[in-house]
Amino acid sequence: MAHGEWSRREFFRRSAVLGAVTIGGPVLLSACTSTSSGDALQAAKDAKKIKIGIANEAPYGFTDQSGKVTGEAPEVARAVFKAMGIDNVEAEAVSFDQLIPALNARKYDIVAAGMNIKKERCDAAAFSIPDYSALTALLVPKGNPQQVLKFEDIAAKKVKVAVLSAAVEKGYATDSGVAEDQIVTLDSQDNMLRAVTDGRVYCAALTDISLKDVLAKSPGAAAEVTPGFDPVKDGKPVVSAGAFVFRKDDNPLREAFNTELKKLQDSGEWTKIVTPFGFSADNLPKAGVTTEKLCAV
């Protein structure tokens, strides 16, 4: 594991013992329940506290070596909630595929994990305005001897590709003609890197932001990241955008959050917050890319 970063399995084992953690602070023992049972916005304002869900995936939301929860999504959420008068943000870690079920079970009040906006997810929960946009990329062996640059190349050359469990890349791959037996599902970014460098798969698919972060934490690894691209579905490019996720009945909380998030984006403060995690102004949501449009795809 690069630079002491926990694997998902190890993180969840420890989290089961430690409970929730507070962003910017030490581990905090806490019951696994949200701050609200009714109006989440009012409850959070009254308590000056709210709980978020993360999946421990760098650089979106993870626990660093000191025990601090950080990453693009938790830090943006922290700034948004501070503007809303909510200073105390706690985090609960669950597996990525359980983020929305645990949200709806009221384990926390918001998912802050860089989750892509997808129709099937929109059917189960409500997304904020887009937080960021990102291109897809491939992690390949150094020199990329097979010259695999997109999913269509994976299909044509019949090489194996690793994807993360419950992530969008598996769907992108199959939509592009990649066969199921070419796809290997793994549980962490570190394992994806190892699978490529060990030769168990030829490449791994994830956002270019994530793959560059993985490689930066593993200097000397015999791998490289391809140029980013938009996957294609039904002949049209698929625009990827990540956002925060709320329960469908928490509109007041989501709308208040959207207002402050838009202010951060428009003021340039968002870019300052996310730069340490490999994001830039280029990752601001593109004009015309809305949650409503992405939920309809």
Protein backbone atom coordinates (compact mmCIF):
# COMPACT_ATOMS: atom_id res chain seq x y z
CA MET A 1 0.00 0.00 0.00
CA ALA A 2 1.57 3.27 -1.11
CA HIS A 3 2.63 5.69 1.59
CA GLY A 4 0.73 3.84 4.29
CA GLU A 5 -2.63 4.17 2.57
CA TRP A 6 -5.05 1.52 3.83
CA SER A 7 -6.76 -0.91 1.52
CA ARG A 8 -10.56 -0.85 1.64
CA ARG A 9 -10.69 -4.13 3.56
CA GLU A 10 -8.19 -2.99 6.21
CA PHE A 11 -9.87 0.39 6.51
CA PHE A 12 -13.29 -1.14 7.08
CA ARG A 13 -11.90 -3.58 9.65
CA ARG A 14 -10.39 -0.70 11.62
CA SER A 15 -13.42 1.52 11.09
CA ALA A 16 -15.66 -1.12 12.63
CA VAL A 17 -13.65 -0.71 15.82
CA LEU A 18 -13.05 3.02 15.72
CA GLY A 19 -16.42 4.27 14.49
CA ALA A 20 -16.73 7.69 12.85
CA VAL A 21 -13.92 10.16 12.44
CA THR A 22 -14.02 13.94 12.48
CA ILE A 23 -12.62 15.82 9.51
CA GLY A 24 -9.50 17.65 10.53
CA GLY A 25 -9.32 15.93 13.90
CA PRO A 26 -8.52 12.67 15.64
CA VAL A 27 -10.58 9.52 15.58
CA LEU A 28 -13.87 10.05 17.40
CA LEU A 29 -15.93 7.20 18.82
CA SER A 30 -19.47 7.67 17.60
CA ALA A 31 -22.67 5.75 17.03
CA CYS A 32 -23.37 5.01 13.37
CA THR A 33 -26.41 7.26 13.03
CA SER A 34 -27.05 10.53 11.21
CA THR A 35 -27.56 13.81 13.00
CA SER A 36 -31.24 13.94 12.05
CA SER A 37 -34.45 11.97 12.06
CA GLY A 38 -36.60 14.62 10.36
CA ASP A 39 -35.47 17.97 8.91
CA ALA A 40 -31.78 17.26 8.32
CA LEU A 41 -30.93 20.92 7.63
CA GLN A 42 -32.51 22.26 10.79
CA ALA A 43 -31.14 19.43 12.89
CA ALA A 44 -27.62 20.08 11.61
CA LYS A 45 -27.91 23.82 12.21
CA ASP A 46 -29.22 23.26 15.73
CA ALA A 47 -26.45 20.79 16.54
CA LYS A 48 -23.82 22.61 14.46
CA LYS A 49 -22.84 19.12 13.38
CA ILE A 50 -23.43 16.83 10.41
CA LYS A 51 -22.20 13.41 9.31
CA ILE A 52 -20.96 12.50 5.85
CA GLY A 53 -20.25 9.15 4.21
CA ILE A 54 -16.97 8.34 2.46
CA ALA A 55 -15.55 5.24 0.76
CA ASN A 56 -11.87 5.81 1.59
CA GLU A 57 -10.89 6.35 -2.05
CA ALA A 58 -8.11 8.87 -2.70
CA PRO A 59 -8.20 11.60 -3.81
CA TYR A 60 -11.98 11.94 -3.33
CA GLY A 61 -12.44 11.07 0.35
CA PHE A 62 -9.97 9.15 2.50
CA THR A 63 -8.21 8.94 5.85
CA ASP A 64 -4.57 10.03 5.87
CA GLN A 65 -1.76 8.58 7.98
CA SER A 66 -2.57 10.88 10.90
CA GLY A 67 -6.19 9.68 11.04
CA LYS A 68 -7.60 12.84 9.45
CA VAL A 69 -10.43 12.46 6.94
CA THR A 70 -9.58 14.57 3.92
CA GLY A 71 -9.81 14.58 0.14
CA GLU A 72 -11.57 16.68 -2.46
CA ALA A 73 -15.15 15.92 -1.42
CA PRO A 74 -14.77 16.14 2.40
CA GLU A 75 -12.82 19.41 2.15
CA VAL A 76 -15.35 20.98 -0.21
CA ALA A 77 -18.18 19.76 2.04
CA ARG A 78 -16.43 21.18 5.06
CA ALA A 79 -16.20 24.64 3.40
CA VAL A 80 -19.83 24.50 2.29
CA PHE A 81 -21.11 23.52 5.72
CA LYS A 82 -18.98 26.17 7.42
CA ALA A 83 -20.69 28.78 5.23
CA MET A 84 -24.01 27.29 6.39
CA GLY A 85 -23.02 27.70 10.05
CA ILE A 86 -22.28 24.00 10.59
CA ASP A 87 -18.72 23.69 11.88
CA ASN A 88 -18.46 20.06 12.99
CA VAL A 89 -18.34 17.49 10.17
CA GLU A 90 -17.99 13.82 11.06
CA ALA A 91 -17.35 10.99 8.60
CA GLU A 92 -18.45 7.37 8.40
CA ALA A 93 -16.63 4.95 6.06
CA VAL A 94 -18.54 2.28 4.16
CA SER A 95 -17.82 0.34 0.97
CA PHE A 96 -18.53 2.30 -2.20
CA ASP A 97 -21.49 0.14 -3.20
CA GLN A 98 -23.09 0.75 0.20
CA LEU A 99 -22.81 4.55 0.17
CA ILE A 100 -26.38 5.21 -1.00
CA PRO A 101 -28.01 2.34 0.97
CA ALA A 102 -26.32 3.59 4.15
CA LEU A 103 -27.40 7.16 3.36
CA ASN A 104 -31.02 6.05 3.01
CA ALA A 105 -30.67 4.03 6.23
CA ARG A 106 -29.75 7.36 7.91
CA LYS A 107 -26.20 6.37 8.84
CA TYR A 108 -25.24 9.89 7.71
CA ASP A 109 -26.84 12.82 5.90
CA ILE A 110 -24.70 13.25 2.79
CA VAL A 111 -22.36 11.19 0.63
CA ALA A 112 -19.07 13.04 0.05
CA ALA A 113 -17.13 10.53 -2.04
CA GLY A 114 -16.80 11.94 -5.56
CA MET A 115 -19.73 9.82 -6.79
CA ASN A 116 -20.58 10.05 -10.49
CA ILE A 117 -24.09 11.15 -11.36
CA LYS A 118 -25.85 8.20 -13.03
CA LYS A 119 -29.50 7.50 -13.77
CA GLU A 120 -29.74 4.38 -11.60
CA ARG A 121 -28.23 6.27 -8.67
CA CYS A 122 -30.58 9.20 -9.25
CA ASP A 123 -33.47 6.76 -8.91
CA ALA A 124 -32.31 5.97 -5.36
CA ALA A 125 -31.11 9.36 -4.08
CA ALA A 126 -30.80 13.06 -4.94
CA PHE A 127 -27.58 14.58 -6.26
CA SER A 128 -26.28 18.09 -5.70
CA ILE A 129 -25.29 20.29 -8.61
CA PRO A 130 -22.17 18.84 -10.28
CA ASP A 131 -19.12 19.31 -8.08
CA TYR A 132 -16.48 18.48 -10.69
CA SER A 133 -16.00 16.90 -14.10
CA ALA A 134 -13.31 14.36 -14.95
CA LEU A 135 -12.06 12.41 -17.92
CA THR A 136 -11.60 8.65 -17.94
CA ALA A 137 -8.09 7.25 -18.41
CA LEU A 138 -6.25 3.93 -18.40
CA LEU A 139 -3.32 2.82 -16.28
CA VAL A 140 -1.04 0.83 -18.58
CA PRO A 141 2.47 -0.69 -18.46
CA LYS A 142 5.32 1.75 -19.01
CA GLY A 143 5.57 2.54 -22.70
CA ASN A 144 2.09 1.12 -23.37
CA PRO A 145 3.41 -1.58 -25.75
CA GLN A 146 -0.10 -2.57 -26.90
CA GLN A 147 -0.99 1.10 -27.54
CA VAL A 148 -4.29 0.76 -25.70
CA LEU A 149 -5.78 4.24 -25.30
CA LYS A 150 -9.54 3.70 -24.90
CA PHE A 151 -12.12 1.02 -24.19
CA GLU A 152 -12.54 0.19 -27.87
CA ASP A 153 -8.84 -0.73 -28.00
CA ILE A 154 -9.31 -3.07 -25.02
CA ALA A 155 -12.14 -4.80 -26.88
CA ALA A 156 -10.25 -5.04 -30.16
CA LYS A 157 -6.98 -6.32 -28.66
CA LYS A 158 -8.76 -8.60 -26.17
CA VAL A 159 -6.59 -7.55 -23.23
CA LYS A 160 -7.79 -7.65 -19.63
CA VAL A 161 -8.82 -4.51 -17.77
CA ALA A 162 -9.27 -3.94 -14.03
CA VAL A 163 -12.12 -1.84 -12.67
CA LEU A 164 -13.20 -0.92 -9.16
CA SER A 165 -16.17 -2.63 -7.58
CA ALA A 166 -19.41 -0.64 -8.12
CA ALA A 167 -17.61 2.05 -10.15
CA VAL A 168 -18.88 3.34 -13.51
CA GLU A 169 -15.95 2.09 -15.59
CA LYS A 170 -17.28 -1.46 -15.93
CA GLY A 171 -20.38 -0.12 -17.68
CA TYR A 172 -18.27 2.11 -19.91
CA ALA A 173 -16.19 -0.93 -20.88
CA THR A 174 -19.11 -3.23 -21.72
CA ASP A 175 -20.86 -0.42 -23.63
CA SER A 176 -17.73 -0.22 -25.78
CA GLY A 177 -17.72 -3.93 -26.57
CA VAL A 178 -15.36 -5.23 -23.88
CA ALA A 179 -16.34 -8.80 -23.00
CA GLU A 180 -17.18 -9.74 -19.42
CA ASP A 181 -14.31 -12.23 -19.28
CA GLN A 182 -11.86 -9.41 -20.05
CA ILE A 183 -12.93 -7.45 -16.97
CA VAL A 184 -11.42 -8.04 -13.54
CA THR A 185 -13.12 -6.33 -10.59
CA LEU A 186 -10.84 -5.27 -7.72
CA ASP A 187 -11.45 -3.62 -4.36
CA SER A 188 -8.87 -0.82 -4.27
CA GLN A 189 -6.80 1.50 -6.41
CA ASP A 190 -3.59 0.03 -4.99
CA ASN A 191 -4.66 -3.45 -6.10
CA MET A 192 -5.38 -2.07 -9.57
CA LEU A 193 -1.84 -0.72 -9.80
CA ARG A 194 -0.39 -4.02 -8.60
CA ALA A 195 -2.49 -5.97 -11.09
CA VAL A 196 -1.07 -3.89 -13.94
CA THR A 197 2.54 -4.00 -12.79
CA ASP A 198 2.31 -7.75 -12.03
CA GLY A 199 0.87 -8.44 -15.48
CA ARG A 200 -2.39 -9.94 -14.21
CA VAL A 201 -4.26 -7.39 -16.32
CA TYR A 202 -2.98 -5.18 -19.10
CA CYS A 203 -4.65 -1.99 -17.91
CA ALA A 204 -6.92 -0.46 -15.29
CA ALA A 205 -9.71 2.06 -15.90
CA LEU A 206 -10.62 4.97 -13.64
CA THR A 207 -10.72 8.77 -13.77
CA ASP A 208 -7.50 10.43 -14.86
CA ILE A 209 -7.45 12.27 -11.51
CA SER A 210 -7.50 9.01 -9.54
CA LEU A 211 -4.92 7.24 -11.65
CA LYS A 212 -2.47 10.15 -11.54
CA ASP A 213 -2.88 10.20 -7.75
CA VAL A 214 -2.18 6.46 -7.51
CA LEU A 215 0.95 6.77 -9.63
CA ALA A 216 2.19 9.84 -7.74
CA LYS A 217 2.06 7.81 -4.53
CA SER A 218 4.04 4.96 -6.10
CA PRO A 219 7.15 6.55 -7.61
CA GLY A 220 9.10 4.08 -9.67
CA ALA A 221 6.10 1.93 -10.56
CA ALA A 222 6.45 0.56 -14.09
CA ALA A 223 3.20 2.10 -15.29
CA GLU A 224 1.84 5.26 -16.86
CA VAL A 225 -1.51 7.00 -17.33
CA THR A 226 -2.94 7.45 -20.81
CA PRO A 227 -4.39 10.79 -21.96
CA GLY A 228 -7.91 11.34 -20.62
CA PHE A 229 -10.94 10.71 -22.81
CA ASP A 230 -14.73 10.67 -22.71
CA PRO A 231 -16.16 7.12 -22.99
CA VAL A 232 -18.68 6.53 -25.77
CA LYS A 233 -22.16 5.08 -25.39
CA ASP A 234 -24.54 4.63 -28.33
CA GLY A 235 -22.13 6.63 -30.46
CA LYS A 236 -22.15 9.64 -28.15
CA PRO A 237 -19.49 10.79 -25.65
CA VAL A 238 -20.38 10.24 -22.01
CA VAL A 239 -19.61 13.27 -19.83
CA SER A 240 -18.61 12.31 -16.30
CA ALA A 241 -19.42 14.56 -13.37
CA GLY A 242 -19.25 13.85 -9.67
CA ALA A 243 -21.47 15.32 -6.99
CA PHE A 244 -22.64 15.05 -3.40
CA VAL A 245 -25.61 12.81 -2.62
CA PHE A 246 -28.62 13.38 -0.36
CA ARG A 247 -31.75 11.51 0.59
CA LYS A 248 -34.67 12.38 -1.66
CA ASP A 249 -36.67 13.83 1.24
CA ASP A 250 -33.87 16.21 2.29
CA ASN A 251 -34.48 18.94 -0.32
CA PRO A 252 -33.96 21.86 2.09
CA LEU A 253 -30.50 20.53 2.99
CA ARG A 254 -29.60 19.84 -0.63
CA GLU A 255 -30.79 23.24 -1.84
CA ALA A 256 -28.90 25.11 0.88
CA PHE A 257 -25.81 23.05 0.07
CA ASN A 258 -26.17 23.79 -3.66
CA THR A 259 -26.33 27.52 -3.01
CA GLU A 260 -23.06 27.59 -1.07
CA LEU A 261 -21.32 25.12 -3.41
CA LYS A 262 -22.11 27.35 -6.41
CA LYS A 263 -20.68 30.34 -4.54
CA LEU A 264 -17.45 28.42 -3.90
CA GLN A 265 -17.17 27.48 -7.58
CA ASP A 266 -17.91 31.00 -8.86
CA SER A 267 -15.54 32.74 -6.43
CA GLY A 268 -12.50 30.61 -7.24
CA GLU A 269 -12.35 29.29 -3.68
CA TRP A 270 -13.32 25.82 -4.90
CA THR A 271 -10.17 25.64 -7.03
CA LYS A 272 -7.99 26.56 -4.05
CA ILE A 273 -9.57 23.83 -1.93
CA VAL A 274 -9.22 21.05 -4.50
CA THR A 275 -5.77 21.80 -5.97
CA PRO A 276 -3.88 19.78 -3.30
CA PHE A 277 -5.82 16.70 -4.45
CA GLY A 278 -4.85 16.89 -8.13
CA PHE A 279 -7.86 18.88 -9.34
CA SER A 280 -7.71 22.20 -11.15
CA ALA A 281 -10.01 24.84 -12.63
CA ASP A 282 -10.23 22.55 -15.68
CA ASN A 283 -12.26 20.16 -13.51
CA LEU A 284 -15.00 22.69 -12.83
CA PRO A 285 -18.31 21.43 -14.25
CA LYS A 286 -18.66 22.31 -17.91
CA ALA A 287 -21.32 24.79 -19.01
CA GLY A 288 -24.59 23.04 -19.76
CA VAL A 289 -23.72 19.95 -17.72
CA THR A 290 -26.51 19.69 -15.17
CA THR A 291 -27.62 17.08 -12.67
CA GLU A 292 -30.98 16.82 -14.43
CA LYS A 293 -29.35 15.99 -17.78
CA LEU A 294 -26.95 13.47 -16.30
CA CYS A 295 -29.74 11.78 -14.35
CA ALA A 296 -31.63 11.29 -17.60
CA VAL A 297 -28.78 9.46 -19.37
